[in-house]
C-alpha atoms as a PDB file:
ATOM      1  CA  MET A   1     109.190 103.334  86.728  1.00  0.00           C
ATOM      2  CA  GLU A   2     109.509 105.753  89.717  1.00  0.00           C
ATOM      3  CA  LYS A   3     108.841 108.696  87.522  1.00  0.00           C
ATOM      4  CA  ILE A   4     105.816 106.891  85.619  1.00  0.00           C
ATOM      5  CA  SER A   5     104.213 106.004  89.373  1.00  0.00           C
ATOM      6  CA  GLU A   6     104.842 109.054  90.480  1.00  0.00           C
ATOM      7  CA  ALA A   7     102.968 110.926  87.572  1.00  0.00           C
ATOM      8  CA  LEU A   8     100.398 107.965  87.283  1.00  0.00           C
ATOM      9  CA  GLN A   9      99.536 109.115  91.054  1.00  0.00           C
ATOM     10  CA  ARG A  10      99.261 112.456  90.317  1.00  0.00           C
ATOM     11  CA  LEU A  11      96.939 111.715  87.057  1.00  0.00           C
ATOM     12  CA  VAL A  12      94.420 109.760  89.167  1.00  0.00           C
ATOM     13  CA  GLU A  13      94.369 111.930  91.779  1.00  0.00           C
ATOM     14  CA  ALA A  14      93.839 114.985  89.228  1.00  0.00           C
ATOM     15  CA  LEU A  15      91.098 113.063  87.165  1.00  0.00           C
ATOM     16  CA  GLU A  16      89.125 111.454  90.435  1.00  0.00           C
ATOM     17  CA  LYS A  17      89.017 115.184  92.040  1.00  0.00           C
ATOM     18  CA  ALA A  18      87.276 116.455  88.829  1.00  0.00           C
ATOM     19  CA  ASN A  19      85.005 113.252  88.814  1.00  0.00           C
ATOM     20  CA  CYS A  20      85.784 112.253  85.744  1.00  0.00           C
ATOM     21  CA  LYS A  21      85.334 108.678  84.495  1.00  0.00           C
ATOM     22  CA  TYR A  22      88.532 107.292  83.517  1.00  0.00           C
ATOM     23  CA  VAL A  23      90.438 104.079  82.723  1.00  0.00           C
ATOM     24  CA  ILE A  24      93.827 103.787  82.081  1.00  0.00           C
ATOM     25  CA  VAL A  25      94.925 102.144  78.871  1.00  0.00           C
ATOM     26  CA  GLY A  26      97.597 100.580  76.667  1.00  0.00           C
ATOM     27  CA  GLY A  27     101.474 100.021  76.933  1.00  0.00           C
ATOM     28  CA  LEU A  28     101.145 100.553  81.125  1.00  0.00           C
ATOM     29  CA  VAL A  29      98.308  97.890  81.321  1.00  0.00           C
ATOM     30  CA  ALA A  30      99.774  95.219  79.160  1.00  0.00           C
ATOM     31  CA  ILE A  31     102.611  95.612  81.158  1.00  0.00           C
ATOM     32  CA  HIS A  32     100.013  94.837  84.249  1.00  0.00           C
ATOM     33  CA  TYR A  33      98.991  92.022  82.401  1.00  0.00           C
ATOM     34  CA  GLY A  34     102.597  90.406  81.903  1.00  0.00           C
ATOM     35  CA  ARG A  35     104.098  91.780  78.717  1.00  0.00           C
ATOM     36  CA  ASN A  36     107.723  92.714  79.524  1.00  0.00           C
ATOM     37  CA  ARG A  37     108.348  95.896  77.983  1.00  0.00           C
ATOM     38  CA  VAL A  38     108.728  99.529  78.543  1.00  0.00           C
ATOM     39  CA  THR A  39     106.747 102.780  78.183  1.00  0.00           C
ATOM     40  CA  GLN A  40     107.192 106.283  77.836  1.00  0.00           C
ATOM     41  CA  ASP A  41     103.502 107.457  78.678  1.00  0.00           C
ATOM     42  CA  ILE A  42     100.288 106.884  80.146  1.00  0.00           C
ATOM     43  CA  ASP A  43      97.085 106.441  78.060  1.00  0.00           C
ATOM     44  CA  VAL A  44      94.275 107.483  79.433  1.00  0.00           C
ATOM     45  CA  VAL A  45      90.407 107.582  78.382  1.00  0.00           C
ATOM     46  CA  VAL A  46      88.296 110.135  79.622  1.00  0.00           C
ATOM     47  CA  ASP A  47      84.485 111.194  79.794  1.00  0.00           C
ATOM     48  CA  THR A  48      83.472 114.131  81.671  1.00  0.00           C
ATOM     49  CA  ASP A  49      81.221 117.211  81.141  1.00  0.00           C
ATOM     50  CA  LYS A  50      82.916 119.624  83.583  1.00  0.00           C
ATOM     51  CA  VAL A  51      86.430 120.159  81.512  1.00  0.00           C
ATOM     52  CA  GLU A  52      86.867 123.290  83.264  1.00  0.00           C
ATOM     53  CA  LEU A  53      87.381 121.233  86.388  1.00  0.00           C
ATOM     54  CA  LEU A  54      89.783 119.118  84.966  1.00  0.00           C
ATOM     55  CA  VAL A  55      91.984 121.539  83.508  1.00  0.00           C
ATOM     56  CA  SER A  56      92.227 123.177  87.064  1.00  0.00           C
ATOM     57  CA  SER A  57      92.551 119.406  88.450  1.00  0.00           C
ATOM     58  CA  LEU A  58      95.309 118.801  86.143  1.00  0.00           C
ATOM     59  CA  LYS A  59      97.093 122.014  86.919  1.00  0.00           C
ATOM     60  CA  ASP A  60      96.846 121.708  90.454  1.00  0.00           C
ATOM     61  CA  GLU A  61      98.800 118.454  90.171  1.00  0.00           C
ATOM     62  CA  GLY A  62     101.546 119.996  88.126  1.00  0.00           C
ATOM     63  CA  PHE A  63     100.971 118.763  84.662  1.00  0.00           C
ATOM     64  CA  GLU A  64     101.843 121.177  81.870  1.00  0.00           C
ATOM     65  CA  PHE A  65      99.724 121.212  78.909  1.00  0.00           C
ATOM     66  CA  SER A  66      98.379 123.597  76.370  1.00  0.00           C
ATOM     67  CA  GLU A  67      94.868 124.901  77.947  1.00  0.00           C
ATOM     68  CA  ARG A  68      93.463 125.843  74.222  1.00  0.00           C
ATOM     69  CA  GLU A  69      94.755 122.386  73.316  1.00  0.00           C
ATOM     70  CA  LEU A  70      92.857 120.661  75.512  1.00  0.00           C
ATOM     71  CA  LEU A  71      89.669 122.826  75.363  1.00  0.00           C
ATOM     72  CA  GLU A  72      89.938 121.991  71.511  1.00  0.00           C
ATOM     73  CA  ALA A  73      90.543 117.935  72.230  1.00  0.00           C
ATOM     74  CA  PHE A  74      87.442 118.004  74.547  1.00  0.00           C
ATOM     75  CA  LYS A  75      85.306 119.585  71.945  1.00  0.00           C
ATOM     76  CA  GLU A  76      86.066 117.697  69.105  1.00  0.00           C
ATOM     77  CA  ARG A  77      86.477 114.630  71.549  1.00  0.00           C
ATOM     78  CA  GLY A  78      90.239 114.209  70.351  1.00  0.00           C
ATOM     79  CA  ARG A  79      93.504 113.823  72.532  1.00  0.00           C
ATOM     80  CA  VAL A  80      95.632 115.907  74.067  1.00  0.00           C
ATOM     81  CA  THR A  81      99.160 115.447  75.467  1.00  0.00           C
ATOM     82  CA  LEU A  82     100.073 116.500  79.050  1.00  0.00           C
ATOM     83  CA  PHE A  83     103.635 116.394  80.097  1.00  0.00           C
ATOM     84  CA  PHE A  84     105.436 115.867  83.847  1.00  0.00           C
ATOM     85  CA  PRO A  85     107.449 118.873  84.938  1.00  0.00           C
ATOM     86  CA  GLU A  86     110.938 118.825  83.855  1.00  0.00           C
ATOM     87  CA  ASP A  87     110.691 115.566  81.960  1.00  0.00           C
ATOM     88  CA  VAL A  88     110.279 116.067  78.168  1.00  0.00           C
ATOM     89  CA  PHE A  89     110.412 112.462  77.199  1.00  0.00           C
ATOM     90  CA  PHE A  90     107.332 111.132  79.555  1.00  0.00           C
ATOM     91  CA  HIS A  91     103.866 112.293  79.002  1.00  0.00           C
ATOM     92  CA  VAL A  92     100.625 111.578  79.128  1.00  0.00           C
ATOM     93  CA  ASP A  93      98.082 110.894  76.376  1.00  0.00           C
ATOM     94  CA  LEU A  94      94.701 112.000  77.142  1.00  0.00           C
ATOM     95  CA  LYS A  95      92.001 110.977  75.014  1.00  0.00           C
ATOM     96  CA  PHE A  96      88.389 112.020  75.405  1.00  0.00           C
ATOM     97  CA  ALA A  97      86.096 109.304  74.491  1.00  0.00           C
ATOM     98  CA  LYS A  98      84.447 109.349  71.176  1.00  0.00           C
ATOM     99  CA  ASP A  99      83.500 106.008  69.573  1.00  0.00           C
ATOM    100  CA  GLU A 100      81.907 102.790  70.599  1.00  0.00           C
ATOM    101  CA  LEU A 101      85.033 101.284  71.570  1.00  0.00           C
ATOM    102  CA  ASP A 102      86.164 104.184  73.923  1.00  0.00           C
ATOM    103  CA  TYR A 103      82.727 103.758  75.706  1.00  0.00           C
ATOM    104  CA  GLU A 104      83.041 100.112  76.153  1.00  0.00           C
ATOM    105  CA  VAL A 105      86.610 100.121  77.580  1.00  0.00           C
ATOM    106  CA  LEU A 106      85.294 103.035  80.076  1.00  0.00           C
ATOM    107  CA  ASN A 107      81.947 100.734  80.764  1.00  0.00           C
ATOM    108  CA  GLY A 108      83.929  97.139  81.098  1.00  0.00           C
ATOM    109  CA  ARG A 109      86.713  99.044  83.207  1.00  0.00           C
ATOM    110  CA  ILE A 110      88.251  97.436  86.426  1.00  0.00           C
ATOM    111  CA  ARG A 111      89.491  98.918  89.730  1.00  0.00           C
ATOM    112  CA  GLY A 112      92.888  97.504  89.903  1.00  0.00           C
ATOM    113  CA  GLU A 113      96.172  98.667  91.288  1.00  0.00           C
ATOM    114  CA  LEU A 114      99.294  99.751  88.360  1.00  0.00           C
ATOM    115  CA  LEU A 115     102.481 100.589  89.982  1.00  0.00           C
ATOM    116  CA  GLY A 116     100.971 100.470  93.801  1.00  0.00           C
ATOM    117  CA  ILE A 117      98.418 103.005  92.801  1.00  0.00           C
ATOM    118  CA  HIS A 118      94.578 101.693  93.177  1.00  0.00           C
ATOM    119  CA  CYS A 119      92.975 103.270  89.548  1.00  0.00           C
ATOM    120  CA  TRP A 120      90.744 102.219  86.718  1.00  0.00           C
ATOM    121  CA  ILE A 121      92.252  99.988  84.153  1.00  0.00           C
ATOM    122  CA  GLU A 122      90.923  98.534  81.232  1.00  0.00           C
ATOM    123  CA  SER A 123      90.229  94.563  81.393  1.00  0.00           C
ATOM    124  CA  LYS A 124      91.907  92.355  79.888  1.00  0.00           C
ATOM    125  CA  GLU A 125      89.052  91.440  76.957  1.00  0.00           C
ATOM    126  CA  ASP A 126      89.118  95.168  76.320  1.00  0.00           C
ATOM    127  CA  ILE A 127      92.654  95.753  75.519  1.00  0.00           C
ATOM    128  CA  VAL A 128      93.130  92.676  73.578  1.00  0.00           C
ATOM    129  CA  VAL A 129      90.366  93.818  71.398  1.00  0.00           C
ATOM    130  CA  ALA A 130      91.837  97.455  71.298  1.00  0.00           C
ATOM    131  CA  LYS A 131      95.431  96.204  70.470  1.00  0.00           C
ATOM    132  CA  LEU A 132      93.721  93.995  67.658  1.00  0.00           C
ATOM    133  CA  ILE A 133      91.885  96.882  66.257  1.00  0.00           C
ATOM    134  CA  TYR A 134      94.963  99.178  66.266  1.00  0.00           C
ATOM    135  CA  GLY A 135      97.413  96.071  64.906  1.00  0.00           C
ATOM    136  CA  SER A 136     100.936  97.554  65.371  1.00  0.00           C
ATOM    137  CA  SER A 137     103.499  95.270  65.936  1.00  0.00           C
ATOM    138  CA  GLN A 138     103.928  96.366  69.434  1.00  0.00           C
ATOM    139  CA  ASP A 139     100.292  95.792  69.547  1.00  0.00           C
ATOM    140  CA  GLU A 140     100.485  92.440  68.311  1.00  0.00           C
ATOM    141  CA  GLU A 141     103.286  91.526  70.947  1.00  0.00           C
ATOM    142  CA  ASP A 142     101.188  92.778  73.436  1.00  0.00           C
ATOM    143  CA  VAL A 143      98.228  90.479  72.586  1.00  0.00           C
ATOM    144  CA  ILE A 144     100.532  87.540  72.300  1.00  0.00           C
ATOM    145  CA  ALA A 145     101.975  87.873  75.912  1.00  0.00           C
ATOM    146  CA  ILE A 146      98.239  88.536  77.113  1.00  0.00           C
ATOM    147  CA  LEU A 147      97.199  85.359  76.138  1.00  0.00           C
ATOM    148  CA  LEU A 148      99.981  83.746  76.834  1.00  0.00           C
ATOM    149  CA  ASN A 149      99.337  84.749  80.648  1.00  0.00           C
ATOM    150  CA  HIS A 150      95.720  84.717  80.636  1.00  0.00           C
ATOM    151  CA  GLY A 151      94.446  82.553  78.044  1.00  0.00           C
ATOM    152  CA  LEU A 152      91.953  83.126  75.682  1.00  0.00           C
ATOM    153  CA  SER A 153      88.347  83.195  77.369  1.00  0.00           C
ATOM    154  CA  GLU A 154      85.021  82.936  75.862  1.00  0.00           C
ATOM    155  CA  GLY A 155      84.135  86.802  76.885  1.00  0.00           C
ATOM    156  CA  LEU A 156      87.081  88.013  75.100  1.00  0.00           C
ATOM    157  CA  LYS A 157      86.285  85.572  71.636  1.00  0.00           C
ATOM    158  CA  GLU A 158      82.856  87.168  72.193  1.00  0.00           C
ATOM    159  CA  LYS A 159      83.969  90.592  72.486  1.00  0.00           C
ATOM    160  CA  ALA A 160      86.504  90.238  69.613  1.00  0.00           C
ATOM    161  CA  LYS A 161      83.206  88.696  67.193  1.00  0.00           C
ATOM    162  CA  LYS A 162      81.727  92.062  68.264  1.00  0.00           C
ATOM    163  CA  PHE A 163      84.367  94.534  66.759  1.00  0.00           C
ATOM    164  CA  GLY A 164      85.457  92.465  63.859  1.00  0.00           C
ATOM    165  CA  VAL A 165      88.600  91.036  65.211  1.00  0.00           C
ATOM    166  CA  TYR A 166      88.158  87.460  65.743  1.00  0.00           C
ATOM    167  CA  ASP A 167      89.964  85.989  62.711  1.00  0.00           C
ATOM    168  CA  LYS A 168      92.592  87.846  63.928  1.00  0.00           C
ATOM    169  CA  LEU A 169      92.611  86.618  67.715  1.00  0.00           C
ATOM    170  CA  CYS A 170      92.343  83.278  66.331  1.00  0.00           C
ATOM    171  CA  GLY A 171      95.112  83.266  64.070  1.00  0.00           C
ATOM    172  CA  ILE A 172      97.552  85.034  66.725  1.00  0.00           C
ATOM    173  CA  ALA A 173      95.859  82.299  69.368  1.00  0.00           C
ATOM    174  CA  GLU A 174      96.486  79.366  67.117  1.00  0.00           C
ATOM    175  CA  MET A 175     100.036  80.933  66.497  1.00  0.00           C
ATOM    176  CA  ILE A 176     100.624  79.904  69.867  1.00  0.00           C
ATOM    177  CA  GLY A 177      99.512  77.236  70.564  1.00  0.00           C
ATOM    178  CA  LEU A 178      95.509  78.059  72.223  1.00  0.00           C
ATOM    179  CA  ALA A 179      92.446  76.712  70.473  1.00  0.00           C
ATOM    180  CA  CYS A 180      89.977  79.199  69.412  1.00  0.00           C
END
């Protein structure tokens, strides 16, 4: 976790220096909310109109990436992989905000602490809904752990309805003994 912590610190510094609106999402946040698992990456959603400043800030913090691929991802509102120096397995998946879910997550972000680093993280409601939408077996396991640790709120139910995953949420909740 030491390498992840160092990479997260550098990533947050680069994003904040570049004045990006960002939110850390995915596996690292699932761990934060009580899921016992490992991850080999940091997932982040970014919204910015200052891509040149972002490129410069990421380079200043030592991230390795294809500038051409990052600029293309910015233009197409896609994703790009950033590598941490001298580690071929660990990486950052940087996604430029594109759809309603991305903007929902950015607007619902909360200031939290991951691995001792203060940063913007995905809310419990947003991570559960996103994981239900993506729907891999690991995503489902993340949802189960988060629900077991934090329960089922009315806000989560409403957000699940909004994004069309309410039945899926209730099915998982009931499977682990929570009334929906």
